[in-house]
């Protein structure tokens, strides 16, 4: 994934203890919203979509991991992907789900950044799509802040590791 992007090798978080910037992929945000929708709002029909934050303990572990970072950000592409998911749910619940997304963003003091398509490497977009490529763009843009990506996507996890970027899988931090 990092073939055409100059990336510096970053020290391990375990080595220096830095937890500056967390970049969130769609999966973890969706899972946080789903957990609240099911357990707080009573959206029982969405229970089957929960994969990792299926109980309060997992939700709490995830929240602690996120809170350990000074800053949180995501790409505008992730918000668009959340829209696609919310639009597939029952029409009457969409505003409540969006309210949960807003609340999660507020609680995390989440930044949302634009990575323009024309700023992305065409080969990476063709291979991984604009959402994943935008997350890589954020990591490169903020490499001086020792960014860590939180994702539920194993393929993206592997590509970030190959590029020498810090990445954590949702199922590992929530279990």
N, C-alpha and C. Protein backbone atom coordinates (compact mmCIF):
# COMPACT_ATOMS: atom_id res chain seq x y z
N UNK A 1 0.83 -1.19 0.00
CA UNK A 1 0.00 0.00 0.00
C UNK A 1 0.87 1.25 0.00
N UNK A 2 2.01 1.24 0.61
CA UNK A 2 2.84 2.42 0.72
C UNK A 2 3.86 2.55 -0.39
N UNK A 3 3.74 1.80 -1.45
CA UNK A 3 4.73 1.78 -2.51
C UNK A 3 5.01 3.17 -3.05
N UNK A 4 4.01 3.99 -3.31
CA UNK A 4 4.22 5.29 -3.92
C UNK A 4 4.19 6.42 -2.91
N UNK A 5 4.12 6.09 -1.63
CA UNK A 5 4.06 7.11 -0.59
C UNK A 5 5.32 7.06 0.25
N UNK A 6 6.04 8.17 0.37
CA UNK A 6 7.21 8.16 1.24
C UNK A 6 6.75 8.14 2.69
N UNK A 7 7.04 7.05 3.40
CA UNK A 7 6.63 6.93 4.79
C UNK A 7 7.84 6.69 5.65
N UNK A 8 7.87 7.32 6.77
CA UNK A 8 8.95 7.12 7.71
C UNK A 8 8.62 5.92 8.58
N UNK A 9 9.63 5.17 8.93
CA UNK A 9 9.41 4.08 9.88
C UNK A 9 9.13 4.72 11.24
N UNK A 10 8.06 4.31 11.85
CA UNK A 10 7.68 4.92 13.13
C UNK A 10 8.02 3.99 14.27
N UNK A 11 8.47 4.54 15.38
CA UNK A 11 8.76 3.70 16.53
C UNK A 11 7.48 3.06 17.07
N UNK A 12 7.64 1.94 17.70
CA UNK A 12 6.50 1.23 18.26
C UNK A 12 5.89 2.03 19.41
N UNK A 13 4.58 1.98 19.54
CA UNK A 13 3.92 2.63 20.68
C UNK A 13 4.38 2.03 21.99
N UNK A 14 4.67 0.73 21.97
CA UNK A 14 5.12 0.09 23.19
C UNK A 14 6.50 0.61 23.59
N UNK A 15 7.32 1.00 22.62
CA UNK A 15 8.66 1.48 22.90
C UNK A 15 8.67 2.88 23.50
N UNK A 16 7.81 3.74 23.00
CA UNK A 16 7.88 5.13 23.46
C UNK A 16 6.65 5.60 24.24
N UNK A 17 5.62 4.77 24.33
CA UNK A 17 4.44 5.10 25.11
C UNK A 17 3.57 6.20 24.52
N UNK A 18 3.86 6.66 23.32
CA UNK A 18 3.08 7.74 22.72
C UNK A 18 1.73 7.24 22.24
N UNK A 19 0.75 8.01 22.55
CA UNK A 19 -0.60 7.76 22.04
C UNK A 19 -1.17 9.10 21.64
N UNK A 20 -0.65 9.59 20.53
CA UNK A 20 -0.98 10.93 20.07
C UNK A 20 -2.30 10.97 19.31
N UNK A 21 -2.37 10.22 18.20
CA UNK A 21 -3.49 10.34 17.29
C UNK A 21 -4.05 8.97 16.93
N UNK A 22 -5.36 8.84 17.06
CA UNK A 22 -6.07 7.63 16.65
C UNK A 22 -6.90 7.97 15.42
N UNK A 23 -6.72 7.18 14.37
CA UNK A 23 -7.52 7.30 13.15
C UNK A 23 -8.54 6.17 13.18
N UNK A 24 -9.81 6.50 13.09
CA UNK A 24 -10.85 5.48 13.16
C UNK A 24 -11.41 5.16 11.79
N UNK A 25 -11.47 3.88 11.49
CA UNK A 25 -12.10 3.36 10.28
C UNK A 25 -13.61 3.25 10.56
N UNK A 26 -14.36 2.93 9.55
CA UNK A 26 -15.82 2.83 9.65
C UNK A 26 -16.26 1.75 10.63
N UNK A 27 -15.64 0.57 10.56
CA UNK A 27 -16.07 -0.56 11.38
C UNK A 27 -16.19 -0.27 12.86
N UNK A 28 -15.14 0.28 13.49
CA UNK A 28 -15.25 0.58 14.92
C UNK A 28 -16.33 1.60 15.26
N UNK A 29 -16.47 2.63 14.44
CA UNK A 29 -17.51 3.64 14.70
C UNK A 29 -18.89 3.00 14.57
N UNK A 30 -19.07 2.21 13.53
CA UNK A 30 -20.34 1.53 13.31
C UNK A 30 -20.65 0.60 14.49
N UNK A 31 -19.64 -0.11 14.96
CA UNK A 31 -19.84 -1.04 16.08
C UNK A 31 -20.21 -0.29 17.36
N UNK A 32 -19.57 0.85 17.62
CA UNK A 32 -19.92 1.67 18.79
C UNK A 32 -21.37 2.13 18.71
N UNK A 33 -21.78 2.59 17.53
CA UNK A 33 -23.16 3.05 17.33
C UNK A 33 -24.13 1.89 17.46
N UNK A 34 -23.80 0.76 16.86
CA UNK A 34 -24.66 -0.43 16.96
C UNK A 34 -24.87 -0.85 18.41
N UNK A 35 -23.78 -0.88 19.17
CA UNK A 35 -23.88 -1.28 20.58
C UNK A 35 -24.89 -0.40 21.30
N UNK A 36 -24.76 0.91 21.15
CA UNK A 36 -25.68 1.83 21.80
C UNK A 36 -27.10 1.69 21.26
N UNK A 37 -27.22 1.48 19.96
CA UNK A 37 -28.55 1.32 19.36
C UNK A 37 -29.27 0.10 19.91
N UNK A 38 -28.54 -0.99 20.08
CA UNK A 38 -29.13 -2.22 20.58
C UNK A 38 -29.40 -2.14 22.08
N UNK A 39 -28.40 -1.76 22.86
CA UNK A 39 -28.51 -1.85 24.32
C UNK A 39 -29.12 -0.62 24.97
N UNK A 40 -29.08 0.53 24.30
CA UNK A 40 -29.64 1.73 24.90
C UNK A 40 -30.94 2.17 24.25
N UNK A 41 -31.03 1.98 22.94
CA UNK A 41 -32.21 2.44 22.22
C UNK A 41 -33.21 1.33 21.91
N UNK A 42 -32.83 0.09 22.19
CA UNK A 42 -33.74 -1.03 21.98
C UNK A 42 -33.92 -1.46 20.54
N UNK A 43 -32.94 -1.23 19.69
CA UNK A 43 -33.00 -1.66 18.29
C UNK A 43 -32.61 -3.14 18.21
N UNK A 44 -33.45 -4.01 18.72
CA UNK A 44 -33.13 -5.43 18.81
C UNK A 44 -32.90 -6.07 17.44
N UNK A 45 -33.54 -5.56 16.41
CA UNK A 45 -33.35 -6.15 15.08
C UNK A 45 -31.93 -5.95 14.56
N UNK A 46 -31.17 -5.02 15.16
CA UNK A 46 -29.78 -4.79 14.75
C UNK A 46 -28.79 -5.64 15.54
N UNK A 47 -29.27 -6.36 16.55
CA UNK A 47 -28.38 -7.17 17.41
C UNK A 47 -27.53 -8.14 16.59
N UNK A 48 -28.10 -8.73 15.56
CA UNK A 48 -27.36 -9.71 14.76
C UNK A 48 -26.20 -9.08 13.98
N UNK A 49 -26.20 -7.74 13.83
CA UNK A 49 -25.12 -7.06 13.12
C UNK A 49 -23.90 -6.80 14.03
N UNK A 50 -24.12 -6.84 15.34
CA UNK A 50 -23.00 -6.65 16.28
C UNK A 50 -22.03 -7.81 16.16
N UNK A 51 -20.75 -7.51 16.03
CA UNK A 51 -19.75 -8.57 15.90
C UNK A 51 -18.76 -8.59 17.06
N UNK A 52 -18.33 -7.42 17.54
CA UNK A 52 -17.25 -7.38 18.53
C UNK A 52 -17.66 -6.73 19.84
N UNK A 53 -18.51 -5.75 19.81
CA UNK A 53 -18.91 -5.05 21.03
C UNK A 53 -20.27 -5.57 21.49
N UNK A 54 -20.31 -6.87 21.73
CA UNK A 54 -21.57 -7.55 22.01
C UNK A 54 -22.00 -7.47 23.47
N UNK A 55 -21.15 -6.89 24.31
CA UNK A 55 -21.52 -6.75 25.72
C UNK A 55 -20.86 -5.49 26.27
N UNK A 56 -21.27 -5.11 27.48
CA UNK A 56 -20.78 -3.87 28.08
C UNK A 56 -19.27 -3.90 28.31
N UNK A 57 -18.72 -5.05 28.69
CA UNK A 57 -17.28 -5.13 28.95
C UNK A 57 -16.47 -4.85 27.69
N UNK A 58 -16.88 -5.41 26.56
CA UNK A 58 -16.18 -5.17 25.30
C UNK A 58 -16.29 -3.71 24.89
N UNK A 59 -17.48 -3.12 25.07
CA UNK A 59 -17.69 -1.71 24.76
C UNK A 59 -16.79 -0.84 25.63
N UNK A 60 -16.69 -1.17 26.90
CA UNK A 60 -15.86 -0.42 27.84
C UNK A 60 -14.38 -0.52 27.47
N UNK A 61 -13.90 -1.72 27.13
CA UNK A 61 -12.50 -1.89 26.71
C UNK A 61 -12.19 -1.05 25.48
N UNK A 62 -13.10 -1.05 24.54
CA UNK A 62 -12.92 -0.26 23.33
C UNK A 62 -12.88 1.23 23.68
N UNK A 63 -13.78 1.66 24.54
CA UNK A 63 -13.80 3.06 24.97
C UNK A 63 -12.53 3.49 25.67
N UNK A 64 -11.98 2.62 26.49
CA UNK A 64 -10.70 2.92 27.17
C UNK A 64 -9.56 3.05 26.18
N UNK A 65 -9.53 2.15 25.20
CA UNK A 65 -8.48 2.22 24.17
C UNK A 65 -8.56 3.55 23.44
N UNK A 66 -9.75 3.93 23.01
CA UNK A 66 -9.95 5.18 22.27
C UNK A 66 -9.57 6.38 23.14
N UNK A 67 -9.99 6.36 24.41
CA UNK A 67 -9.73 7.48 25.31
C UNK A 67 -8.24 7.67 25.61
N UNK A 68 -7.43 6.63 25.39
CA UNK A 68 -6.00 6.73 25.67
C UNK A 68 -5.26 7.64 24.69
N UNK A 69 -5.91 8.01 23.60
CA UNK A 69 -5.29 8.86 22.58
C UNK A 69 -5.67 10.32 22.81
N UNK A 70 -4.70 11.21 22.59
CA UNK A 70 -4.95 12.63 22.78
C UNK A 70 -5.94 13.18 21.75
N UNK A 71 -5.80 12.73 20.50
CA UNK A 71 -6.68 13.19 19.43
C UNK A 71 -7.25 12.02 18.67
N UNK A 72 -8.43 12.22 18.10
CA UNK A 72 -9.08 11.22 17.24
C UNK A 72 -9.51 11.90 15.96
N UNK A 73 -9.37 11.17 14.87
CA UNK A 73 -9.81 11.71 13.59
C UNK A 73 -10.28 10.57 12.70
N UNK A 74 -10.99 10.94 11.67
CA UNK A 74 -11.41 10.02 10.62
C UNK A 74 -11.52 10.82 9.34
N UNK A 75 -11.79 10.12 8.26
CA UNK A 75 -11.93 10.83 6.99
C UNK A 75 -13.40 11.07 6.69
N UNK A 76 -13.66 12.08 5.88
CA UNK A 76 -15.03 12.36 5.45
C UNK A 76 -15.60 11.16 4.70
N UNK A 77 -14.73 10.37 4.08
CA UNK A 77 -15.18 9.16 3.37
C UNK A 77 -15.82 8.17 4.33
N UNK A 78 -15.32 8.11 5.55
CA UNK A 78 -15.90 7.21 6.56
C UNK A 78 -17.32 7.65 6.89
N UNK A 79 -17.54 8.96 7.02
CA UNK A 79 -18.90 9.45 7.28
C UNK A 79 -19.84 9.07 6.14
N UNK A 80 -19.34 9.13 4.92
CA UNK A 80 -20.16 8.72 3.77
C UNK A 80 -20.49 7.23 3.83
N UNK A 81 -19.53 6.41 4.26
CA UNK A 81 -19.78 4.98 4.38
C UNK A 81 -20.78 4.69 5.50
N UNK A 82 -20.72 5.46 6.58
CA UNK A 82 -21.73 5.31 7.64
C UNK A 82 -23.12 5.64 7.10
N UNK A 83 -23.20 6.65 6.24
CA UNK A 83 -24.47 7.00 5.62
C UNK A 83 -25.04 5.82 4.84
N UNK A 84 -24.19 5.17 4.07
CA UNK A 84 -24.65 4.01 3.29
C UNK A 84 -25.25 2.95 4.22
N UNK A 85 -24.57 2.66 5.32
CA UNK A 85 -25.09 1.67 6.27
C UNK A 85 -26.41 2.13 6.88
N UNK A 86 -26.48 3.35 7.34
CA UNK A 86 -27.69 3.85 8.00
C UNK A 86 -28.87 3.85 7.04
N UNK A 87 -28.64 4.16 5.79
CA UNK A 87 -29.72 4.18 4.80
C UNK A 87 -30.30 2.79 4.54
N UNK A 88 -29.58 1.74 4.89
CA UNK A 88 -30.10 0.38 4.70
C UNK A 88 -30.94 -0.09 5.89
N UNK A 89 -30.99 0.70 6.96
CA UNK A 89 -31.79 0.32 8.12
C UNK A 89 -33.21 0.86 7.95
N UNK A 90 -34.05 0.54 8.90
CA UNK A 90 -35.43 0.99 8.87
C UNK A 90 -35.50 2.51 8.84
N UNK A 91 -36.30 3.05 7.95
CA UNK A 91 -36.38 4.49 7.74
C UNK A 91 -36.68 5.26 9.02
N UNK A 92 -37.55 4.73 9.86
CA UNK A 92 -37.95 5.45 11.08
C UNK A 92 -36.83 5.52 12.12
N UNK A 93 -35.83 4.66 12.01
CA UNK A 93 -34.74 4.67 12.98
C UNK A 93 -33.51 5.43 12.52
N UNK A 94 -33.52 5.93 11.31
CA UNK A 94 -32.32 6.56 10.76
C UNK A 94 -31.89 7.80 11.53
N UNK A 95 -32.82 8.62 11.92
CA UNK A 95 -32.45 9.83 12.66
C UNK A 95 -31.85 9.46 14.02
N UNK A 96 -32.38 8.45 14.66
CA UNK A 96 -31.83 8.02 15.95
C UNK A 96 -30.41 7.47 15.77
N UNK A 97 -30.17 6.73 14.70
CA UNK A 97 -28.82 6.23 14.44
C UNK A 97 -27.86 7.37 14.16
N UNK A 98 -28.30 8.34 13.36
CA UNK A 98 -27.44 9.50 13.12
C UNK A 98 -27.17 10.26 14.41
N UNK A 99 -28.16 10.35 15.26
CA UNK A 99 -27.96 11.00 16.56
C UNK A 99 -26.86 10.28 17.35
N UNK A 100 -26.85 8.95 17.29
CA UNK A 100 -25.80 8.18 17.98
C UNK A 100 -24.43 8.45 17.35
N UNK A 101 -24.37 8.56 16.01
CA UNK A 101 -23.10 8.88 15.35
C UNK A 101 -22.62 10.24 15.83
N UNK A 102 -23.51 11.23 15.84
CA UNK A 102 -23.14 12.56 16.31
C UNK A 102 -22.63 12.49 17.75
N UNK A 103 -23.34 11.74 18.59
CA UNK A 103 -22.95 11.62 20.00
C UNK A 103 -21.58 10.96 20.16
N UNK A 104 -21.33 9.91 19.40
CA UNK A 104 -20.01 9.26 19.46
C UNK A 104 -18.92 10.24 19.03
N UNK A 105 -19.15 10.98 17.96
CA UNK A 105 -18.16 11.96 17.49
C UNK A 105 -17.93 13.03 18.56
N UNK A 106 -18.99 13.50 19.19
CA UNK A 106 -18.85 14.52 20.25
C UNK A 106 -18.07 13.96 21.43
N UNK A 107 -18.44 12.77 21.89
CA UNK A 107 -17.77 12.18 23.05
C UNK A 107 -16.28 11.97 22.81
N UNK A 108 -15.91 11.62 21.59
CA UNK A 108 -14.50 11.40 21.27
C UNK A 108 -13.79 12.68 20.87
N UNK A 109 -14.52 13.79 20.74
CA UNK A 109 -13.96 15.02 20.20
C UNK A 109 -13.30 14.72 18.85
N UNK A 110 -14.03 14.01 18.02
CA UNK A 110 -13.53 13.51 16.74
C UNK A 110 -13.37 14.63 15.73
N UNK A 111 -12.21 14.63 15.07
CA UNK A 111 -12.00 15.49 13.91
C UNK A 111 -12.41 14.69 12.68
N UNK A 112 -12.83 15.39 11.66
CA UNK A 112 -13.16 14.75 10.39
C UNK A 112 -12.41 15.51 9.31
N UNK A 113 -11.60 14.80 8.55
CA UNK A 113 -10.74 15.44 7.58
C UNK A 113 -11.04 14.95 6.17
N UNK A 114 -10.85 15.85 5.22
CA UNK A 114 -11.05 15.51 3.82
C UNK A 114 -9.71 15.13 3.21
N UNK A 115 -9.70 14.01 2.54
CA UNK A 115 -8.58 13.61 1.70
C UNK A 115 -9.18 13.54 0.30
N UNK A 116 -8.79 14.48 -0.53
CA UNK A 116 -9.39 14.60 -1.86
C UNK A 116 -8.98 13.43 -2.76
N UNK A 117 -9.92 12.99 -3.55
CA UNK A 117 -9.66 11.89 -4.47
C UNK A 117 -8.44 12.17 -5.35
N UNK A 118 -8.32 13.38 -5.86
CA UNK A 118 -7.21 13.70 -6.74
C UNK A 118 -5.86 13.76 -6.02
N UNK A 119 -5.90 13.76 -4.68
CA UNK A 119 -4.66 13.69 -3.89
C UNK A 119 -4.26 12.24 -3.61
N UNK A 120 -5.14 11.30 -3.93
CA UNK A 120 -4.88 9.89 -3.67
C UNK A 120 -4.20 9.24 -4.86
N UNK A 121 -3.35 8.28 -4.57
CA UNK A 121 -2.68 7.52 -5.61
C UNK A 121 -3.72 6.66 -6.34
N UNK A 122 -3.78 6.81 -7.65
CA UNK A 122 -4.77 6.10 -8.48
C UNK A 122 -4.67 4.59 -8.30
N UNK A 123 -3.46 4.05 -8.24
CA UNK A 123 -3.28 2.61 -8.10
C UNK A 123 -3.82 2.11 -6.75
N UNK A 124 -3.63 2.91 -5.71
CA UNK A 124 -4.15 2.54 -4.40
C UNK A 124 -5.68 2.60 -4.37
N UNK A 125 -6.24 3.62 -4.99
CA UNK A 125 -7.70 3.74 -5.05
C UNK A 125 -8.28 2.55 -5.81
N UNK A 126 -7.66 2.19 -6.93
CA UNK A 126 -8.14 1.06 -7.72
C UNK A 126 -8.04 -0.24 -6.93
N UNK A 127 -7.02 -0.37 -6.11
CA UNK A 127 -6.81 -1.61 -5.36
C UNK A 127 -7.63 -1.69 -4.07
N UNK A 128 -7.71 -0.56 -3.34
CA UNK A 128 -8.33 -0.59 -2.01
C UNK A 128 -9.59 0.24 -1.88
N UNK A 129 -9.86 1.09 -2.84
CA UNK A 129 -11.01 1.98 -2.75
C UNK A 129 -10.65 3.29 -2.08
N UNK A 130 -11.48 4.31 -2.27
CA UNK A 130 -11.16 5.63 -1.74
C UNK A 130 -11.23 5.74 -0.22
N UNK A 131 -12.06 4.93 0.43
CA UNK A 131 -12.17 5.04 1.89
C UNK A 131 -10.89 4.58 2.56
N UNK A 132 -10.43 3.38 2.24
CA UNK A 132 -9.19 2.88 2.84
C UNK A 132 -7.99 3.73 2.43
N UNK A 133 -7.97 4.18 1.19
CA UNK A 133 -6.87 5.02 0.72
C UNK A 133 -6.87 6.36 1.46
N UNK A 134 -8.05 6.89 1.78
CA UNK A 134 -8.11 8.15 2.54
C UNK A 134 -7.55 7.97 3.94
N UNK A 135 -7.75 6.80 4.53
CA UNK A 135 -7.20 6.54 5.87
C UNK A 135 -5.68 6.47 5.83
N UNK A 136 -5.16 5.86 4.79
CA UNK A 136 -3.71 5.85 4.60
C UNK A 136 -3.21 7.28 4.43
N UNK A 137 -3.93 8.09 3.65
CA UNK A 137 -3.56 9.49 3.45
C UNK A 137 -3.51 10.25 4.77
N UNK A 138 -4.46 9.99 5.65
CA UNK A 138 -4.45 10.63 6.97
C UNK A 138 -3.23 10.20 7.78
N UNK A 139 -2.91 8.91 7.72
CA UNK A 139 -1.75 8.42 8.46
C UNK A 139 -0.46 9.07 7.97
N UNK A 140 -0.33 9.20 6.66
CA UNK A 140 0.85 9.84 6.09
C UNK A 140 0.87 11.33 6.45
N UNK A 141 -0.28 11.98 6.34
CA UNK A 141 -0.40 13.41 6.65
C UNK A 141 0.02 13.70 8.09
N UNK A 142 -0.29 12.78 9.00
CA UNK A 142 -0.06 13.01 10.43
C UNK A 142 1.03 12.13 11.02
N UNK A 143 1.96 11.65 10.21
CA UNK A 143 2.94 10.69 10.72
C UNK A 143 3.76 11.24 11.88
N UNK A 144 3.95 12.55 11.98
CA UNK A 144 4.70 13.13 13.10
C UNK A 144 3.96 12.98 14.42
N UNK A 145 2.68 12.64 14.37
CA UNK A 145 1.87 12.45 15.58
C UNK A 145 1.74 10.98 15.98
N UNK A 146 2.52 10.12 15.35
CA UNK A 146 2.50 8.68 15.64
C UNK A 146 1.08 8.11 15.56
N UNK A 147 0.42 8.24 14.43
CA UNK A 147 -0.97 7.79 14.33
C UNK A 147 -1.10 6.27 14.42
N UNK A 148 -2.21 5.87 14.98
CA UNK A 148 -2.60 4.46 15.02
C UNK A 148 -3.98 4.38 14.37
N UNK A 149 -4.16 3.42 13.49
CA UNK A 149 -5.47 3.18 12.88
C UNK A 149 -6.19 2.12 13.70
N UNK A 150 -7.46 2.35 14.00
CA UNK A 150 -8.32 1.34 14.60
C UNK A 150 -9.29 0.89 13.53
N UNK A 151 -9.25 -0.39 13.21
CA UNK A 151 -10.07 -0.94 12.14
C UNK A 151 -10.62 -2.31 12.52
N UNK A 152 -11.60 -2.76 11.79
CA UNK A 152 -12.08 -4.14 11.92
C UNK A 152 -11.76 -4.91 10.64
N UNK A 153 -11.10 -4.28 9.72
CA UNK A 153 -10.79 -4.82 8.40
C UNK A 153 -9.40 -5.46 8.41
N UNK A 154 -9.35 -6.78 8.35
CA UNK A 154 -8.06 -7.49 8.41
C UNK A 154 -7.15 -7.15 7.23
N UNK A 155 -7.72 -6.98 6.04
CA UNK A 155 -6.90 -6.65 4.87
C UNK A 155 -6.26 -5.27 5.04
N UNK A 156 -7.03 -4.31 5.50
CA UNK A 156 -6.49 -2.97 5.75
C UNK A 156 -5.43 -3.02 6.85
N UNK A 157 -5.69 -3.81 7.87
CA UNK A 157 -4.72 -4.00 8.95
C UNK A 157 -3.39 -4.48 8.38
N UNK A 158 -3.44 -5.47 7.53
CA UNK A 158 -2.22 -6.02 6.93
C UNK A 158 -1.49 -5.00 6.07
N UNK A 159 -2.23 -4.21 5.31
CA UNK A 159 -1.60 -3.20 4.45
C UNK A 159 -0.95 -2.10 5.27
N UNK A 160 -1.59 -1.69 6.36
CA UNK A 160 -0.98 -0.69 7.23
C UNK A 160 0.30 -1.23 7.86
N UNK A 161 0.27 -2.49 8.27
CA UNK A 161 1.48 -3.09 8.83
C UNK A 161 2.60 -3.13 7.79
N UNK A 162 2.29 -3.53 6.58
CA UNK A 162 3.29 -3.56 5.51
C UNK A 162 3.90 -2.18 5.27
N UNK A 163 3.08 -1.14 5.43
CA UNK A 163 3.54 0.23 5.21
C UNK A 163 4.31 0.78 6.42
N UNK A 164 4.43 -0.01 7.48
CA UNK A 164 5.15 0.44 8.67
C UNK A 164 4.35 1.37 9.55
N UNK A 165 3.02 1.33 9.42
CA UNK A 165 2.14 2.20 10.21
C UNK A 165 1.52 1.41 11.36
N UNK A 166 1.24 2.11 12.45
CA UNK A 166 0.61 1.48 13.60
C UNK A 166 -0.86 1.21 13.30
N UNK A 167 -1.32 0.01 13.69
CA UNK A 167 -2.70 -0.36 13.44
C UNK A 167 -3.14 -1.36 14.49
N UNK A 168 -4.39 -1.25 14.93
CA UNK A 168 -4.98 -2.18 15.89
C UNK A 168 -6.30 -2.68 15.34
N UNK A 169 -6.58 -3.96 15.61
CA UNK A 169 -7.84 -4.55 15.20
C UNK A 169 -8.86 -4.44 16.34
N UNK A 170 -10.08 -4.07 15.99
CA UNK A 170 -11.14 -3.88 16.97
C UNK A 170 -11.35 -5.14 17.81
N UNK A 171 -11.37 -6.31 17.19
CA UNK A 171 -11.66 -7.52 17.96
C UNK A 171 -10.57 -7.81 18.99
N UNK A 172 -9.35 -7.38 18.75
CA UNK A 172 -8.28 -7.60 19.73
C UNK A 172 -8.35 -6.65 20.90
N UNK A 173 -8.69 -5.40 20.65
CA UNK A 173 -8.73 -4.46 21.78
C UNK A 173 -10.02 -4.60 22.60
N UNK A 174 -11.05 -5.21 22.03
CA UNK A 174 -12.31 -5.35 22.74
C UNK A 174 -12.46 -6.70 23.45
N UNK A 175 -11.50 -7.60 23.25
CA UNK A 175 -11.63 -8.91 23.91
C UNK A 175 -10.70 -9.03 25.11
